[in-house]
Amino acid sequence: MLRSLSEHIKNLDWVAVTVELLIVAAGVFMGLQVQKWNQQRTDRIEEQQYLARLRFDFAAIDRDLQQCISIYRDSVDAINSVSRIIEIHTAEDVMPIADSGGFRAALVRMTAGTIPAGRSATFLEMLSTGDLSILRYAKVSDSLLAYDKRAQVNREIWGSIRD
């Protein structure tokens, strides 16, 4: 091809030179287009894998949150029990509170709590590798970012309450 091109240039056959350059340009364009299509196909496969992993992560986070809700409800019930016991004993001017075991158990239960739901390992991986941009829908990546921010605030609040 190079020999042919140099021969056409020597002979000043500009039509043949133009045709050969167009063939080279078309080949380069097609090669780049194939590479782009392949990258898009690879991105779609990775996106589906990430979405499957995110579904798994958030199912686990949901289970953790359900457990947290149950523990916090029990804690609130215990606080209410302790409050009622104190009110009864204060109203009847009976001190000290005779512990039947229930009062002590309620005190322990009212301080129970678990760390709020954590972060998605898949999301963290996507952030660190820059693969968050693979997601085609901005609403998905925006929701992931918003969840992570909200979860971080909840963990900080929980830490303050715990301390």
Protein backbone atom coordinates (compact mmCIF):
# COMPACT_ATOMS: atom_id res chain seq x y z
CA MET A 1 0.00 0.00 0.00
CA LEU A 2 2.81 2.42 0.92
CA ARG A 3 4.76 1.56 -2.23
CA SER A 4 1.62 2.04 -4.32
CA LEU A 5 0.93 5.39 -2.68
CA SER A 6 4.49 6.66 -3.22
CA GLU A 7 4.34 5.53 -6.86
CA HIS A 8 1.07 7.44 -7.43
CA ILE A 9 2.58 10.53 -5.81
CA LYS A 10 5.66 10.25 -8.06
CA ASN A 11 3.42 9.98 -11.12
CA LEU A 12 1.26 12.86 -9.85
CA ASP A 13 -1.84 10.65 -10.00
CA TRP A 14 -3.81 12.67 -7.45
CA VAL A 15 -7.05 10.76 -7.96
CA ALA A 16 -5.36 7.46 -7.04
CA VAL A 17 -3.63 9.14 -4.04
CA THR A 18 -6.97 10.53 -2.86
CA VAL A 19 -8.69 7.14 -3.23
CA GLU A 20 -5.94 5.37 -1.29
CA LEU A 21 -6.03 7.99 1.49
CA LEU A 22 -9.82 7.66 1.67
CA ILE A 23 -9.47 3.88 1.98
CA VAL A 24 -6.97 4.32 4.85
CA ALA A 25 -9.19 6.91 6.57
CA ALA A 26 -12.27 4.66 6.22
CA GLY A 27 -10.31 1.75 7.69
CA VAL A 28 -9.18 3.84 10.66
CA PHE A 29 -12.73 5.12 11.19
CA MET A 30 -14.18 1.61 11.05
CA GLY A 31 -11.53 0.35 13.47
CA LEU A 32 -12.33 3.13 15.93
CA GLN A 33 -16.07 2.50 15.56
CA VAL A 34 -15.64 -1.22 16.22
CA GLN A 35 -13.55 -0.38 19.29
CA LYS A 36 -16.28 2.01 20.51
CA TRP A 37 -19.02 -0.60 19.99
CA ASN A 38 -16.96 -3.18 21.83
CA GLN A 39 -16.39 -0.80 24.74
CA GLN A 40 -20.12 -0.06 24.94
CA ARG A 41 -20.90 -3.80 24.92
CA THR A 42 -18.33 -4.38 27.67
CA ASP A 43 -19.78 -1.48 29.69
CA ARG A 44 -23.31 -2.93 29.41
CA ILE A 45 -22.08 -6.31 30.67
CA GLU A 46 -20.25 -4.63 33.58
CA GLU A 47 -23.31 -2.49 34.32
CA GLN A 48 -25.50 -5.59 34.60
CA GLN A 49 -22.96 -7.26 36.90
CA TYR A 50 -22.76 -4.16 39.10
CA LEU A 51 -26.56 -3.86 39.26
CA ALA A 52 -26.88 -7.51 40.31
CA ARG A 53 -24.27 -6.98 43.04
CA LEU A 54 -25.97 -3.76 44.15
CA ARG A 55 -29.30 -5.62 44.45
CA PHE A 56 -27.57 -8.19 46.65
CA ASP A 57 -25.88 -5.48 48.78
CA PHE A 58 -29.09 -3.53 49.30
CA ALA A 59 -31.08 -6.67 50.15
CA ALA A 60 -28.56 -7.24 52.97
CA ILE A 61 -28.77 -3.57 53.99
CA ASP A 62 -32.57 -3.86 54.05
CA ARG A 63 -32.36 -6.93 56.32
CA ASP A 64 -29.99 -5.04 58.63
CA LEU A 65 -32.34 -2.06 58.74
CA GLN A 66 -35.32 -4.27 59.54
CA GLN A 67 -33.36 -5.75 62.44
CA CYS A 68 -32.36 -2.25 63.61
CA ILE A 69 -35.99 -1.14 63.52
CA SER A 70 -37.01 -4.13 65.63
CA ILE A 71 -34.27 -3.44 68.19
CA TYR A 72 -35.13 0.25 68.38
CA ARG A 73 -38.84 -0.51 68.83
CA ASP A 74 -37.94 -2.85 71.68
CA SER A 75 -35.75 -0.10 73.14
CA VAL A 76 -38.63 2.39 72.99
CA ASP A 77 -40.96 -0.13 74.64
CA ALA A 78 -38.37 -0.61 77.40
CA ILE A 79 -38.09 3.15 77.90
CA ASN A 80 -41.87 3.33 78.23
CA SER A 81 -41.82 0.46 80.75
CA VAL A 82 -39.14 2.15 82.85
CA SER A 83 -41.06 5.43 82.72
CA ARG A 84 -44.28 3.72 83.89
CA ILE A 85 -42.48 1.94 86.74
CA ILE A 86 -40.89 5.21 87.88
CA GLU A 87 -44.22 7.07 87.63
CA ILE A 88 -46.01 4.41 89.68
CA HIS A 89 -43.35 4.36 92.37
CA THR A 90 -43.06 8.15 92.46
CA ALA A 91 -46.84 8.60 92.66
CA GLU A 92 -47.14 6.10 95.48
CA ASP A 93 -44.08 7.59 97.14
CA VAL A 94 -42.53 4.17 97.29
CA MET A 95 -38.77 4.30 97.16
CA PRO A 96 -36.55 2.52 96.34
CA ILE A 97 -37.97 0.58 93.43
CA ALA A 98 -38.21 -3.08 94.26
CA ASP A 99 -36.57 -4.88 91.34
CA SER A 100 -38.40 -7.93 90.21
CA GLY A 101 -35.92 -8.33 87.40
CA GLY A 102 -38.19 -6.58 84.96
CA PHE A 103 -36.95 -3.12 85.80
CA ARG A 104 -33.32 -4.08 85.37
CA ALA A 105 -34.08 -5.92 82.11
CA ALA A 106 -35.97 -2.88 80.82
CA LEU A 107 -33.00 -0.65 81.65
CA VAL A 108 -30.71 -2.92 79.63
CA ARG A 109 -33.17 -3.13 76.72
CA MET A 110 -33.63 0.64 76.54
CA THR A 111 -29.93 1.14 75.83
CA ALA A 112 -29.83 -1.52 73.14
CA GLY A 113 -29.13 -0.47 69.62
CA THR A 114 -27.17 -1.44 66.59
CA ILE A 115 -25.11 0.51 64.15
CA PRO A 116 -27.32 1.77 61.31
CA ALA A 117 -27.05 0.18 57.89
CA GLY A 118 -23.65 0.32 56.33
CA ARG A 119 -22.34 1.20 52.93
CA SER A 120 -22.62 -0.94 49.83
CA ALA A 121 -19.28 -2.59 49.05
CA THR A 122 -20.18 -2.61 45.37
CA PHE A 123 -20.94 1.12 45.44
CA LEU A 124 -17.62 1.81 47.16
CA GLU A 125 -15.82 -0.23 44.50
CA MET A 126 -17.59 1.68 41.75
CA LEU A 127 -16.56 4.98 43.35
CA SER A 128 -12.93 3.98 43.76
CA THR A 129 -12.58 2.60 40.21
CA GLY A 130 -14.55 5.39 38.57
CA ASP A 131 -17.06 2.86 37.23
CA LEU A 132 -20.06 4.82 38.53
CA SER A 133 -20.11 6.44 35.08
CA ILE A 134 -20.89 3.04 33.52
CA LEU A 135 -24.46 3.32 34.79
CA ARG A 136 -26.61 4.55 31.94
CA TYR A 137 -29.26 6.18 34.12
CA ALA A 138 -28.19 9.20 36.13
CA LYS A 139 -31.11 8.59 38.50
CA VAL A 140 -29.48 5.33 39.66
CA SER A 141 -26.08 6.87 40.35
CA ASP A 142 -27.70 9.94 41.95
CA SER A 143 -29.78 7.67 44.22
CA LEU A 144 -26.71 5.67 45.22
CA LEU A 145 -24.82 8.87 46.08
CA ALA A 146 -27.80 10.25 48.03
CA TYR A 147 -28.24 6.99 49.97
CA ASP A 148 -24.56 6.86 50.86
CA LYS A 149 -24.61 10.47 52.08
CA ARG A 150 -27.79 9.91 54.13
CA ALA A 151 -26.39 6.67 55.61
CA GLN A 152 -23.19 8.48 56.59
CA VAL A 153 -25.18 11.18 58.39
CA ASN A 154 -27.20 8.47 60.19
CA ARG A 155 -24.01 6.72 61.30
CA GLU A 156 -22.62 10.00 62.63
CA ILE A 157 -25.85 10.73 64.52
CA TRP A 158 -25.87 7.20 65.94
CA GLY A 159 -22.25 7.62 67.00
CA SER A 160 -23.09 10.89 68.78
CA ILE A 161 -26.04 9.31 70.57
CA ARG A 162 -23.99 6.26 71.53
CA ASP A 163 -21.15 8.38 72.88
